[in-house]
Amino acid sequence: MDKQERLWRGLRRLRCKWQHDRRWQKQLVLLQLGAESIVASCWQADCCLWQKEKALEVPWQDGCEDWWHEVERALQDVFIWARVPDRVDTILLLEEELVFSELVEFPKISEQEILQAIPWEAEQLVPWEQGSYNTAFASSGRSYLDSVRSSGDINNLQVQLWAWPTAQVAKACSLTKGLRLQLQAILVGLSTQKIQEAWYKGWSFKNWSLKEGQISWQQRAGELAQGLYPQRVCALCLALSLLLYAASRGGCYLASYSLEQTRQQLAPYAVWQQRMTNDQKLQTAIDRYQRLEKSLQSSASHISKSVSRLGQQVGAGCWLEVLKGQAKAKEWQLEGACYELAGMNRLLENLEQDPKLAQVRLLNSQQQGNRISFSVLVQEK
């Protein structure tokens, strides 16, 4: 199965699902027309609500107007008795004797090829003039879709072909229109139970109906316009359009007027708003500078205290030449010199006894002439 066929089958399943949900809560009227009698029944998804049969006195003949008039009168009596609502979905079921019927055999070909071959076969078999009849076809009384699916294990496909004059189709449509029914399809060769099952399953009756696809969209538009009183509808649409246009223009005028009034009221506050914005920016900058100054003062005070405390630990005969370090890390490196080793040791002892120092470490010491140079690392707590 190619991708295109899988796509079309998926779309058909989605369409059936949508139509199944739409039809499930609605009623379906079935009109079974025979040469000598008619049977009207109303169905729901799970049962038959009522069924009524009427015998006809006028025999069936092609183009017989009296037969159609009698059918209409009989159905009117039935619908008055059953209180059928307007615009109810309706399917017309014809007996085989009212239409042309022929069994056609096709080889095992694709669906599109069969769809193209059916019109040619109808031209060869139907005894009426070409273009004066409508056709429908199915296999063994089932939908064309099912017939194609079931033909995988056989060499030939038997298709039942039906034809009915277009004039008779038009009379059937006029009949249902006069009875205020919504004609959905004209079918042949099925029972009412099968039609009811197929309808509520969501089937579309494509190629199965003598009506479906035969009436042009221009005719349908004309019928719809005739039923809805086009002059009144056009007048109503025109009045609604004028009313909507006037309402929209009035709304635009009121909106523009209100906007202009608001602008005039807000104009005196423009200068005040600008000054307020500048004051906020200035206050933000002042706060930032104050925090920076406070931080610098705190850091300078800490450095000054640390330098003073370290300098007080230096005794006689010893001096400091360089003091470097980081105030945040609280680490200082002292570089100095002394004439005697005892002076450097006293300095180290004084630093170690300072309670505010966490660590004192001699980095290096070196004899340079008559003095000793040293480097000490201290860390504050």
Foldseek 3Di string as FASTA:
>chain_A
DDPVVVVVVVVQLVLLVVLLVVQQPAKEWEWEDEQFKIKIWIDHLPGTPDIDIDTDDDGDDVPDPVRLVRVLVVVVVVCVVVVDDFAGEYEYEYEPVQWDKDKDKAFLDDPVVVVVVVVVVCCVPPPDDPPFKFKAKDAPQDANVVQNVVCPPDGMGIMMMIIDGPVVVVSVVVSCVVVRYNYQFYAYDDDPVVVSNCSSSRDRCVSGGRPPPPDDPVVVVVSVCVVVVVVVVVVVVVVVVVVVVVVVVVVVVVVVVVVVVVCVVCVVCPVVVVVVVVVVVVVVVVVVVVVVVVVVVVLVVQVVVVVVVLQVLQDPQWDWDDWDDDSVQQKIKTKIKGQDPVRVVSSQVSLVPPPQWDDKDWPDWDDDPRMIITMMMIGGD
